[in-house]
Protein backbone atom coordinates (compact mmCIF):
# COMPACT_ATOMS: atom_id res chain seq x y z
CA MET A 1 18.94 1.31 4.30
CA THR A 2 20.19 3.62 1.55
CA LEU A 3 20.47 7.26 2.59
CA ARG A 4 20.59 9.88 -0.13
CA LYS A 5 20.35 13.64 -0.28
CA LYS A 6 16.93 13.14 -1.87
CA ILE A 7 14.81 10.04 -1.52
CA ARG A 8 14.31 8.27 -4.83
CA VAL A 9 10.70 7.26 -5.38
CA GLY A 10 10.17 4.41 -7.83
CA ILE A 11 6.76 4.65 -9.51
CA SER A 12 5.06 1.82 -11.38
CA ILE A 13 2.62 3.37 -13.82
CA GLY A 14 -0.24 0.88 -13.45
CA ASP A 15 -2.85 0.19 -16.11
CA LEU A 16 -2.28 2.57 -19.04
CA ASN A 17 -5.98 2.48 -19.92
CA GLY A 18 -6.77 3.95 -16.50
CA VAL A 19 -5.97 7.10 -14.53
CA GLY A 20 -2.57 6.04 -13.17
CA LEU A 21 -0.34 8.17 -15.38
CA GLU A 22 -2.78 11.06 -15.13
CA VAL A 23 -2.54 11.28 -11.34
CA VAL A 24 1.26 10.86 -11.50
CA LEU A 25 1.66 13.70 -14.01
CA LYS A 26 -0.78 15.93 -12.16
CA THR A 27 1.17 15.36 -8.95
CA PHE A 28 4.46 16.45 -10.49
CA ARG A 29 3.19 19.33 -12.56
CA ASP A 30 3.77 21.23 -9.30
CA LYS A 31 7.55 21.72 -9.56
CA ARG A 32 7.81 22.08 -5.80
CA MET A 33 7.31 18.32 -5.51
CA LEU A 34 10.86 17.85 -6.79
CA GLU A 35 12.13 19.58 -3.65
CA PHE A 36 10.95 16.57 -1.62
CA CYS A 37 12.07 13.63 -3.73
CA THR A 38 13.45 12.34 -7.02
CA PRO A 39 10.72 10.45 -8.91
CA VAL A 40 11.61 7.55 -11.22
CA LEU A 41 8.79 6.28 -13.43
CA PHE A 42 9.05 2.85 -15.05
CA GLY A 43 7.37 2.78 -18.46
CA SER A 44 7.86 4.08 -21.98
CA SER A 45 8.27 7.54 -23.48
CA LYS A 46 5.74 6.72 -26.22
CA ALA A 47 2.99 5.84 -23.75
CA LEU A 48 3.83 8.84 -21.63
CA SER A 49 3.76 11.22 -24.60
CA TYR A 50 0.36 9.86 -25.65
CA HIS A 51 -1.10 10.47 -22.19
CA LYS A 52 0.40 13.95 -22.00
CA LYS A 53 -1.10 14.86 -25.36
CA ILE A 54 -4.60 13.48 -24.70
CA LEU A 55 -4.74 14.97 -21.20
CA ASP A 56 -3.04 18.24 -22.17
CA LEU A 57 -0.47 17.87 -19.39
CA ASN A 58 2.75 19.57 -20.43
CA VAL A 59 4.98 18.11 -17.74
CA PRO A 60 8.69 17.81 -18.65
CA VAL A 61 10.12 14.30 -18.19
CA PHE A 62 13.77 13.20 -18.42
CA THR A 63 14.06 9.81 -20.19
CA ILE A 64 16.89 7.48 -19.16
CA ASN A 65 17.98 4.02 -20.27
CA ASN A 66 20.09 3.24 -17.22
CA LEU A 67 19.29 3.79 -13.56
CA ASP A 68 22.80 5.12 -13.03
CA LYS A 69 21.63 8.18 -14.98
CA ILE A 70 18.88 9.20 -12.51
CA ALA A 71 18.89 12.98 -12.15
CA ASP A 72 17.73 15.00 -9.15
CA ASN A 73 15.34 17.91 -9.71
CA LYS A 74 13.81 16.09 -12.68
CA ILE A 75 11.02 13.60 -13.31
CA ASN A 76 12.92 10.55 -14.50
CA LEU A 77 11.40 8.00 -16.85
CA MET A 78 13.24 4.69 -16.97
CA GLN A 79 12.62 3.38 -20.49
CA SER A 80 11.37 -0.13 -19.69
CA TRP A 81 10.11 -1.08 -23.18
CA GLU A 82 9.96 0.29 -26.72
CA ASP A 83 6.79 -1.45 -27.89
CA GLU A 84 3.92 0.39 -29.55
CA LEU A 85 0.79 -0.03 -27.43
CA ASN A 86 -2.86 0.21 -28.34
CA ILE A 87 -4.06 2.46 -25.53
CA GLU A 88 -7.86 2.61 -25.21
CA PHE A 89 -8.90 4.58 -22.16
CA GLY A 90 -11.50 2.87 -20.02
CA GLN A 91 -11.03 -0.58 -21.57
CA ALA A 92 -9.75 -3.71 -19.85
CA SER A 93 -6.95 -5.22 -21.93
CA LYS A 94 -4.66 -8.19 -21.32
CA GLU A 95 -1.99 -6.56 -23.48
CA ILE A 96 -2.04 -3.38 -21.41
CA GLY A 97 -2.13 -5.50 -18.25
CA SER A 98 1.08 -7.26 -19.29
CA PHE A 99 2.85 -3.89 -19.52
CA ALA A 100 1.48 -2.85 -16.13
CA PHE A 101 3.25 -5.95 -14.82
CA ARG A 102 6.46 -5.09 -16.68
CA SER A 103 6.44 -1.66 -15.05
CA LEU A 104 5.80 -3.15 -11.60
CA GLN A 105 8.45 -5.81 -12.11
CA ALA A 106 11.09 -3.27 -13.18
CA ALA A 107 10.25 -0.93 -10.30
CA THR A 108 10.34 -3.79 -7.77
CA THR A 109 13.72 -4.96 -9.04
CA ALA A 110 15.09 -1.43 -8.70
CA LEU A 111 13.71 -1.30 -5.15
CA LYS A 112 15.29 -4.64 -4.22
CA ASP A 113 18.62 -3.53 -5.69
CA GLY A 114 18.58 -0.24 -3.78
CA GLN A 115 18.44 1.89 -6.92
CA VAL A 116 15.24 3.49 -5.63
CA ASP A 117 14.39 3.91 -1.95
CA VAL A 118 10.62 3.49 -1.88
CA LEU A 119 7.92 2.30 -4.26
CA VAL A 120 4.61 4.01 -5.06
CA THR A 121 2.32 1.96 -7.30
CA ALA A 122 -0.38 3.34 -9.59
CA PRO A 123 -3.58 1.23 -9.78
CA ILE A 124 -3.77 -2.01 -11.76
CA ASN A 125 -6.76 -3.88 -13.16
CA LYS A 126 -6.55 -7.30 -11.52
CA ASP A 127 -8.23 -9.17 -14.36
CA SER A 128 -6.02 -7.54 -17.01
CA ILE A 129 -2.73 -8.15 -15.22
CA TYR A 130 -3.46 -11.71 -14.11
CA ASN A 131 -1.52 -14.18 -16.28
CA GLU A 132 1.05 -16.98 -16.15
CA ASP A 133 3.69 -14.61 -14.76
CA PHE A 134 1.46 -12.66 -12.38
CA LYS A 135 -0.73 -15.11 -10.49
CA PHE A 136 -1.56 -12.80 -7.60
CA PRO A 137 -4.81 -11.14 -6.52
CA GLY A 138 -3.04 -7.81 -6.02
CA HIS A 139 0.10 -5.79 -5.32
CA THR A 140 0.24 -6.85 -1.67
CA GLU A 141 0.54 -10.55 -2.41
CA TYR A 142 3.07 -10.01 -5.22
CA LEU A 143 5.32 -7.83 -3.06
CA GLY A 144 4.95 -10.28 -0.18
CA VAL A 145 6.73 -12.83 -2.38
CA GLU A 146 9.27 -10.46 -3.96
CA LEU A 147 10.39 -8.64 -0.81
CA GLU A 148 11.62 -9.94 2.51
CA GLY A 149 9.11 -10.12 5.35
CA ASP A 150 5.44 -10.90 5.80
CA ALA A 151 3.00 -8.55 4.03
CA LEU A 152 0.21 -6.79 5.90
CA MET A 153 -2.24 -4.58 3.97
CA LEU A 154 -2.60 -1.39 5.98
CA LEU A 155 -4.86 1.52 5.00
CA VAL A 156 -3.83 4.80 6.59
CA CYS A 157 -4.99 8.40 6.83
CA GLU A 158 -4.49 11.13 9.42
CA GLU A 159 -6.99 9.72 11.90
CA LEU A 160 -7.15 6.01 11.15
CA ARG A 161 -5.01 2.95 10.42
CA VAL A 162 -6.82 -0.22 9.34
CA GLY A 163 -5.06 -3.53 8.71
CA LEU A 164 -6.50 -6.78 7.37
CA ILE A 165 -6.31 -10.26 8.89
CA THR A 166 -7.26 -11.65 5.45
CA GLY A 167 -6.75 -9.69 2.22
CA HIS A 168 -7.98 -10.51 -1.27
CA VAL A 169 -9.88 -13.61 -0.22
CA PRO A 170 -13.44 -14.67 -1.21
CA ILE A 171 -15.85 -14.02 1.65
CA SER A 172 -16.88 -17.69 1.60
CA GLU A 173 -13.35 -18.69 2.63
CA VAL A 174 -12.70 -16.14 5.37
CA SER A 175 -13.92 -18.13 8.38
CA ASN A 176 -12.00 -21.21 7.24
CA ILE A 177 -8.73 -19.28 7.02
CA ILE A 178 -8.80 -17.40 10.31
CA ASP A 179 -7.17 -19.21 13.21
CA GLU A 180 -5.11 -18.36 16.28
CA GLU A 181 -1.80 -18.45 14.40
CA LEU A 182 -2.97 -16.05 11.68
CA ILE A 183 -4.46 -13.60 14.17
CA SER A 184 -1.27 -13.67 16.25
CA ARG A 185 0.92 -13.09 13.19
CA LYS A 186 -1.12 -10.15 11.91
CA VAL A 187 -1.35 -8.52 15.34
CA SER A 188 2.42 -8.84 15.72
CA LEU A 189 2.99 -7.36 12.24
CA MET A 190 0.77 -4.37 12.97
CA ASN A 191 2.36 -3.83 16.38
CA THR A 192 5.86 -3.84 14.87
CA SER A 193 4.87 -1.52 12.03
CA LEU A 194 3.19 0.96 14.37
CA LYS A 195 6.43 1.13 16.34
CA LYS A 196 8.90 1.12 13.47
CA ASP A 197 7.02 3.01 10.76
CA PHE A 198 4.79 5.33 12.77
CA GLY A 199 6.93 5.99 15.86
CA ILE A 200 4.38 4.76 18.43
CA ASP A 201 6.10 3.26 21.50
CA ARG A 202 3.20 1.26 22.99
CA PRO A 203 0.56 0.81 20.29
CA LYS A 204 -3.03 0.01 21.22
CA ILE A 205 -4.67 -2.30 18.67
CA ALA A 206 -8.37 -3.10 18.28
CA VAL A 207 -9.50 -6.30 16.54
CA LEU A 208 -12.94 -6.61 14.97
CA GLY A 209 -15.06 -9.72 15.26
CA ILE A 210 -15.79 -12.17 12.46
CA ASN A 211 -19.57 -12.43 12.89
CA PRO A 212 -22.28 -9.79 13.30
CA HIS A 213 -22.33 -8.61 16.93
CA CYS A 214 -19.30 -10.88 17.48
CA GLY A 215 -21.68 -13.83 17.34
CA ASP A 216 -23.91 -12.71 20.25
CA LYS A 217 -22.41 -15.45 22.45
CA GLY A 218 -23.05 -18.19 19.93
CA VAL A 219 -26.42 -17.10 18.56
CA ILE A 220 -24.80 -15.95 15.28
CA GLY A 221 -21.68 -18.12 15.28
CA ASN A 222 -19.01 -19.30 17.71
CA ASP A 223 -15.85 -18.13 15.91
CA ASP A 224 -15.36 -15.00 17.99
CA GLU A 225 -15.67 -16.73 21.36
CA ASN A 226 -13.83 -19.92 20.38
CA ILE A 227 -11.05 -18.47 18.21
CA VAL A 228 -10.68 -14.69 18.31
CA ARG A 229 -11.07 -13.87 21.99
CA PRO A 230 -8.75 -16.65 23.26
CA ALA A 231 -6.16 -15.67 20.65
CA LEU A 232 -6.16 -12.03 21.77
CA GLU A 233 -5.92 -12.97 25.43
CA LYS A 234 -2.94 -15.20 24.67
CA ILE A 235 -1.20 -12.50 22.63
CA ASN A 236 -1.66 -9.98 25.42
CA LYS A 237 -0.39 -12.37 28.07
CA GLU A 238 2.53 -13.97 26.21
CA GLN A 239 3.70 -11.11 23.96
CA GLY A 240 2.70 -8.11 26.01
CA ILE A 241 0.99 -6.47 23.03
CA LEU A 242 -1.85 -4.11 23.92
CA VAL A 243 -4.55 -5.75 21.80
CA TYR A 244 -8.27 -5.51 22.53
CA GLY A 245 -11.45 -7.08 21.21
CA PRO A 246 -13.16 -8.57 19.44
CA TYR A 247 -15.39 -5.57 18.73
CA ALA A 248 -18.63 -5.67 16.78
CA ALA A 249 -17.79 -4.13 13.41
CA ASP A 250 -21.20 -2.60 12.71
CA GLY A 251 -20.95 0.19 15.28
CA PHE A 252 -17.20 0.46 15.74
CA PHE A 253 -16.57 3.12 13.10
CA GLY A 254 -19.87 4.98 13.38
CA SER A 255 -19.29 5.50 17.10
CA ARG A 256 -15.72 6.65 16.33
CA ALA A 257 -14.41 4.03 18.76
CA TYR A 258 -11.35 3.75 16.49
CA GLU A 259 -10.15 7.08 17.91
CA ASN A 260 -9.17 5.22 21.10
CA PHE A 261 -6.67 3.02 19.24
CA ASP A 262 -3.50 3.39 17.19
CA GLY A 263 -4.56 0.67 14.77
CA VAL A 264 -7.54 -1.49 13.89
CA LEU A 265 -7.43 -5.01 12.46
CA ALA A 266 -10.42 -6.06 10.37
CA MET A 267 -11.12 -9.71 9.66
CA TYR A 268 -11.69 -9.35 5.91
CA HIS A 269 -11.24 -6.89 3.06
CA ASP A 270 -14.55 -5.02 2.91
CA GLN A 271 -15.08 -5.06 6.67
CA GLY A 272 -12.08 -2.76 6.90
CA LEU A 273 -12.01 -0.96 3.56
CA ALA A 274 -15.68 0.04 3.31
CA PRO A 275 -15.63 2.18 6.47
CA PHE A 276 -12.08 3.37 5.80
CA LYS A 277 -12.95 4.69 2.35
CA THR A 278 -16.12 6.28 3.71
CA ILE A 279 -14.00 8.20 6.21
CA ALA A 280 -10.93 8.91 4.08
CA PHE A 281 -11.71 8.46 0.38
CA GLY A 282 -9.41 10.58 -1.74
CA THR A 283 -6.86 11.09 1.02
CA GLY A 284 -6.26 7.50 2.13
CA VAL A 285 -3.14 5.50 1.41
CA ASN A 286 -2.57 1.76 0.99
CA PHE A 287 0.69 0.78 2.73
CA THR A 288 2.18 -2.72 2.54
CA ALA A 289 3.55 -3.09 6.06
CA GLY A 290 5.75 -5.92 7.29
CA LEU A 291 8.26 -5.89 4.42
CA ASN A 292 11.88 -4.78 4.27
CA LYS A 293 11.00 -1.98 1.84
CA ILE A 294 8.38 0.77 1.80
CA ARG A 295 5.52 0.54 -0.71
CA THR A 296 2.43 2.72 -0.84
CA SER A 297 -0.37 3.36 -3.32
CA PRO A 298 -3.48 5.53 -3.64
CA ASP A 299 -6.68 4.14 -2.16
CA HIS A 300 -8.57 4.08 -5.48
CA GLY A 301 -8.63 1.86 -8.54
CA THR A 302 -7.98 2.36 -12.23
CA GLY A 303 -10.94 4.74 -12.69
CA PHE A 304 -11.86 3.36 -16.10
CA ASP A 305 -15.08 5.41 -16.08
CA ILE A 306 -13.16 8.73 -16.11
CA ALA A 307 -9.90 7.64 -17.77
CA GLY A 308 -8.63 9.94 -20.52
CA LYS A 309 -11.06 12.73 -19.60
CA GLY A 310 -8.74 14.74 -17.35
CA LEU A 311 -11.09 14.34 -14.39
CA ALA A 312 -8.92 12.22 -12.07
CA ASP A 313 -8.04 13.74 -8.69
CA GLU A 314 -4.38 13.28 -7.77
CA SER A 315 -4.90 13.86 -4.02
CA SER A 316 -4.65 10.20 -3.02
CA PHE A 317 -1.56 9.57 -5.16
CA LYS A 318 0.10 12.66 -3.71
CA ALA A 319 -0.82 11.46 -0.21
CA ALA A 320 0.70 8.04 -1.03
CA LEU A 321 3.92 9.68 -2.16
CA PHE A 322 4.24 11.85 0.95
CA LYS A 323 3.36 8.90 3.18
CA ALA A 324 6.12 6.83 1.55
CA LEU A 325 8.63 9.60 2.30
CA GLU A 326 7.39 9.88 5.88
CA LEU A 327 7.51 6.12 6.48
CA PHE A 328 11.01 5.90 4.99
CA ALA A 329 12.24 8.63 7.34
CA ASN A 330 10.53 7.05 10.36
CA ARG A 331 11.96 3.63 9.61
CA SER A 332 15.44 5.05 9.01
CA ASN A 333 15.30 6.83 12.38
CA TYR A 334 14.02 3.70 14.13
CA GLU A 335 16.76 1.52 12.66
CA GLU A 336 19.42 4.08 13.59
CA ILE A 337 18.19 4.31 17.16
CA THR A 338 17.75 0.57 17.71
CA SER A 339 21.07 -0.35 16.08
CA ASN A 340 23.02 1.94 18.40
CA VAL A 341 21.65 0.78 21.72
CA LEU A 342 24.42 0.91 24.33
CA LYS A 343 25.28 -2.53 25.66
CA THR A 344 25.46 -2.90 29.43
CA LYS A 345 28.86 -4.06 30.69
CA ARG A 346 28.86 -7.16 32.82
């Protein structure tokens, strides 16, 4: 893992018709942020200048054409294209989506090559970015292919960490996808991440049930008794992971039962994200665990309804940036400690 005086944060700028660049610029208009990291945006000076003018954000940016020219104590913009773009705030556009992908692609390549240390992604519009080159339902799946490891979507805030057994999957397909192998893999990924990225020695993990009331012993489905419970018992016995459940999802968050665990695994996207965003909206962070590099993002979307109006709140993006720095430091410490374990002489 690359160690520098200041951590370099690669930033993909997301959908230019949304609030991505706004929250990035608002984050770094506080010059003290440059004491913590060196930001490197991947985009174009023309698009950036347009956003700065419309949003009245006079934030100085240092444009470079080569990543060898990255400067500390400055907001770096890696010139990733020269094209003129038709930016229309609040509008979904395939053209703009293609440049969101170009930004993400350039930032990911820099991350893989070690030219930046972590990646923070601004929001994309999935319909706009989806094309022949980007056939993924989201950042998580794309990075799962581009980076080494097995991706786990993990939503984090101060009091809660929620991972997903299935991610961007239609609800009609969820029960057909979940099996013992998938549950075991996701539990193992969360357990490893909680140790390596969050510094928790013996994580306690809760797993939610698939059906309402976990099926009520077969009255509302048999998946939880036939698949989930046996899988968790096997994981606990064979891997020694402290995993518990399945728990009925309807009362788990309202009763604050999550406070008894270091992490929670939800069976599908909205089962986990709806309560998470209710608890932590605006301060939550999306972290792609399980990969060989750190990537985070804010917990909100493109905000087309407020784009270009100067109303976007940068709190979640700032939280994502600080979380990326924290996770990078935790993982660096973990790797240093575990790589220097004294070997017992025979």
